[in-house]
Amino acid sequence: MEPKQRLSLEQLKETAEYKRLTPKQQLFVATYVAGGLSDGNYDAVHATRTAYPCKNEEVARIMSYSIMANIRIVAVLNRHFGAEPIEEFLALLDRAINNKRITIAQVNALKLKCDILGLANRLPGFKTPIGVIPEDILEASRKERKSKKDAQKDARPPKPPKADSEYNFKK
């Protein structure tokens, strides 16, 4: 298996992903990629110290972890390394799965990205489009709700019978 073709720094700078970065992020990516292309050593700590003011090497090392996890940085580096869109999506999905505070908006954004990239069609045995609930699942859900409703009706105590004339004051 031959290695994937990597984008040069000049090609990377022309991408929409790179242009969305802040100037400091652009400097980080440029330093990171230039070092990797020149000697094969992709050094995030060196790139961090170049782009951001850091007191020492340890601060730069710790800071480089959060920079390398930034979604925009990841998107640019995926372009550089020639990652397939599905690989990037799976990385985002993995982050979302591990996120304890994911919002509905984030889930919907992932669904939309999946639809736009056409990734749902590539799942084995998947025939229903995203956002459409298969009919058999809908029917099973309806039956379950109906059985719960019937069980609640059966669980209610019967109403006491009314006395005929015991409390009837109209005579």
Protein backbone atom coordinates (compact mmCIF):
# COMPACT_ATOMS: atom_id res chain seq x y z
CA MET A 1 0.00 0.00 0.00
CA GLU A 2 1.57 3.27 -1.09
CA PRO A 3 1.54 6.28 1.26
CA LYS A 4 -1.01 9.01 0.65
CA GLN A 5 0.11 12.12 -1.20
CA ARG A 6 0.58 15.04 1.18
CA LEU A 7 -0.27 18.61 0.22
CA SER A 8 2.61 21.07 0.10
CA LEU A 9 2.48 24.11 2.36
CA GLU A 10 1.62 26.35 -0.62
CA GLN A 11 -1.26 24.06 -1.63
CA LEU A 12 -2.46 23.90 1.96
CA LYS A 13 -2.52 27.69 2.25
CA GLU A 14 -4.97 27.82 -0.66
CA THR A 15 -7.55 25.58 1.02
CA ALA A 16 -10.72 26.93 2.63
CA GLU A 17 -9.86 25.12 5.87
CA TYR A 18 -6.54 26.95 6.20
CA LYS A 19 -8.11 30.33 5.46
CA ARG A 20 -10.59 29.85 8.34
CA LEU A 21 -7.76 29.69 10.88
CA THR A 22 -6.68 32.63 13.03
CA PRO A 23 -3.24 34.13 12.22
CA LYS A 24 -1.66 32.30 15.19
CA GLN A 25 -3.26 29.02 14.13
CA GLN A 26 -2.00 29.57 10.58
CA LEU A 27 1.52 30.15 11.90
CA PHE A 28 1.25 26.99 14.01
CA VAL A 29 0.10 24.89 11.03
CA ALA A 30 2.71 26.41 8.71
CA THR A 31 5.52 25.66 11.18
CA TYR A 32 4.20 22.19 11.92
CA VAL A 33 3.80 21.24 8.25
CA ALA A 34 7.07 22.88 7.09
CA GLY A 35 9.03 20.95 9.70
CA GLY A 36 7.33 17.71 8.74
CA LEU A 37 7.90 18.19 5.03
CA SER A 38 11.55 19.21 5.43
CA ASP A 39 12.82 16.49 7.76
CA GLY A 40 9.84 14.20 8.39
CA ASN A 41 9.55 15.37 12.00
CA TYR A 42 6.14 16.86 12.76
CA ASP A 43 6.88 18.68 16.02
CA ALA A 44 3.78 20.18 17.67
CA VAL A 45 5.76 21.57 20.60
CA HIS A 46 8.12 23.52 18.33
CA ALA A 47 5.16 24.80 16.30
CA THR A 48 3.41 25.87 19.51
CA ARG A 49 6.47 27.77 20.75
CA THR A 50 6.75 29.50 17.38
CA ALA A 51 3.11 30.60 17.19
CA TYR A 52 2.27 31.23 20.84
CA PRO A 53 4.15 32.88 23.73
CA CYS A 54 5.11 30.12 26.17
CA LYS A 55 7.20 30.42 29.34
CA ASN A 56 9.02 27.17 28.75
CA GLU A 57 9.06 23.86 26.90
CA GLU A 58 6.69 22.17 29.37
CA VAL A 59 4.02 24.85 28.93
CA ALA A 60 4.36 24.52 25.15
CA ARG A 61 4.06 20.73 25.39
CA ILE A 62 0.86 20.93 27.42
CA MET A 63 -0.58 23.67 25.20
CA SER A 64 0.21 21.67 22.04
CA TYR A 65 -2.29 18.97 23.09
CA SER A 66 -5.21 21.38 23.06
CA ILE A 67 -4.04 23.00 19.82
CA MET A 68 -3.76 19.63 18.10
CA ALA A 69 -7.29 18.75 19.29
CA ASN A 70 -8.79 21.95 17.84
CA ILE A 71 -11.35 20.99 15.19
CA ARG A 72 -10.14 23.58 12.69
CA ILE A 73 -6.51 22.52 13.09
CA VAL A 74 -7.54 18.87 12.69
CA ALA A 75 -9.44 19.72 9.48
CA VAL A 76 -6.40 21.48 7.97
CA LEU A 77 -4.02 18.69 8.93
CA ASN A 78 -6.42 16.11 7.52
CA ARG A 79 -6.22 17.96 4.20
CA HIS A 80 -2.42 17.99 4.43
CA PHE A 81 -2.19 14.27 5.19
CA GLY A 82 -4.80 13.38 2.54
CA ALA A 83 -7.31 11.89 4.97
CA GLU A 84 -10.61 10.78 3.48
CA PRO A 85 -13.73 12.71 4.57
CA ILE A 86 -15.03 9.57 6.27
CA GLU A 87 -11.86 9.38 8.39
CA GLU A 88 -12.34 12.98 9.53
CA PHE A 89 -16.03 12.34 10.21
CA LEU A 90 -15.26 9.22 12.25
CA ALA A 91 -12.75 11.20 14.33
CA LEU A 92 -15.41 13.87 14.98
CA LEU A 93 -17.96 11.19 15.79
CA ASP A 94 -15.57 9.55 18.22
CA ARG A 95 -15.03 12.88 19.99
CA ALA A 96 -18.80 13.41 20.17
CA ILE A 97 -19.35 9.95 21.62
CA ASN A 98 -16.81 10.64 24.36
CA ASN A 99 -18.22 14.12 25.07
CA LYS A 100 -20.34 14.07 28.21
CA ARG A 101 -21.98 17.40 27.40
CA ILE A 102 -22.89 17.01 23.73
CA THR A 103 -25.84 19.15 22.68
CA ILE A 104 -28.72 18.38 20.36
CA ALA A 105 -27.34 21.02 17.97
CA GLN A 106 -24.01 19.16 17.81
CA VAL A 107 -25.76 15.85 17.12
CA ASN A 108 -27.82 17.47 14.37
CA ALA A 109 -24.67 19.01 12.88
CA LEU A 110 -23.05 15.56 12.78
CA LYS A 111 -26.15 14.11 11.08
CA LEU A 112 -26.10 16.93 8.53
CA LYS A 113 -22.41 16.44 7.82
CA CYS A 114 -23.02 12.71 7.41
CA ASP A 115 -25.82 13.43 4.93
CA ILE A 116 -23.80 16.00 2.99
CA LEU A 117 -20.80 13.71 2.69
CA GLY A 118 -23.06 10.82 1.68
CA LEU A 119 -21.57 8.62 4.37
CA ALA A 120 -24.82 6.97 5.44
CA ASN A 121 -25.01 5.20 2.08
CA ARG A 122 -21.59 3.64 2.70
CA LEU A 123 -22.60 1.83 5.86
CA PRO A 124 -23.04 -1.92 5.25
CA GLY A 125 -26.68 -3.04 5.14
CA PHE A 126 -27.97 0.50 5.62
CA LYS A 127 -30.88 1.24 3.30
CA THR A 128 -32.91 3.84 5.17
CA PRO A 129 -31.85 7.49 4.77
CA ILE A 130 -30.68 9.36 7.86
CA GLY A 131 -33.54 10.99 9.74
CA VAL A 132 -36.13 8.45 8.55
CA ILE A 133 -37.23 5.86 11.09
CA PRO A 134 -37.86 2.45 9.51
CA GLU A 135 -41.53 1.36 9.56
CA ASP A 136 -40.92 -1.81 11.58
CA ILE A 137 -39.29 0.22 14.37
CA LEU A 138 -42.16 2.74 14.31
CA GLU A 139 -44.72 -0.10 14.54
CA ALA A 140 -42.88 -1.75 17.45
CA SER A 141 -42.76 1.60 19.24
CA ARG A 142 -46.51 2.12 18.71
CA LYS A 143 -47.29 -1.36 20.08
CA GLU A 144 -45.10 -0.79 23.12
CA ARG A 145 -46.79 2.55 23.90
CA LYS A 146 -50.23 0.96 23.48
CA SER A 147 -49.38 -1.95 25.79
CA LYS A 148 -48.05 0.47 28.43
CA LYS A 149 -51.25 2.51 28.17
CA ASP A 150 -53.39 -0.61 28.56
CA ALA A 151 -51.32 -1.74 31.55
CA GLN A 152 -51.84 1.65 33.20
CA LYS A 153 -55.61 1.36 32.69
CA ASP A 154 -55.64 -2.11 34.27
CA ALA A 155 -53.56 -0.93 37.23
CA ARG A 156 -56.06 1.77 38.27
CA PRO A 157 -58.34 0.83 41.16
CA PRO A 158 -62.01 0.56 40.21
CA LYS A 159 -64.25 3.49 41.07
CA PRO A 160 -66.48 2.84 44.08
CA PRO A 161 -70.15 2.33 43.21
CA LYS A 162 -72.55 5.15 44.04
CA ALA A 163 -75.08 4.60 46.75
CA ASP A 164 -78.66 4.74 45.51
CA SER A 165 -80.48 6.95 47.90
CA GLU A 166 -78.24 7.07 50.91
CA TYR A 167 -76.96 10.59 50.17
CA ASN A 168 -79.72 11.74 47.87
CA PHE A 169 -81.25 14.69 49.68
CA LYS A 170 -83.82 15.53 47.08
CA LYS A 171 -87.11 13.81 47.90
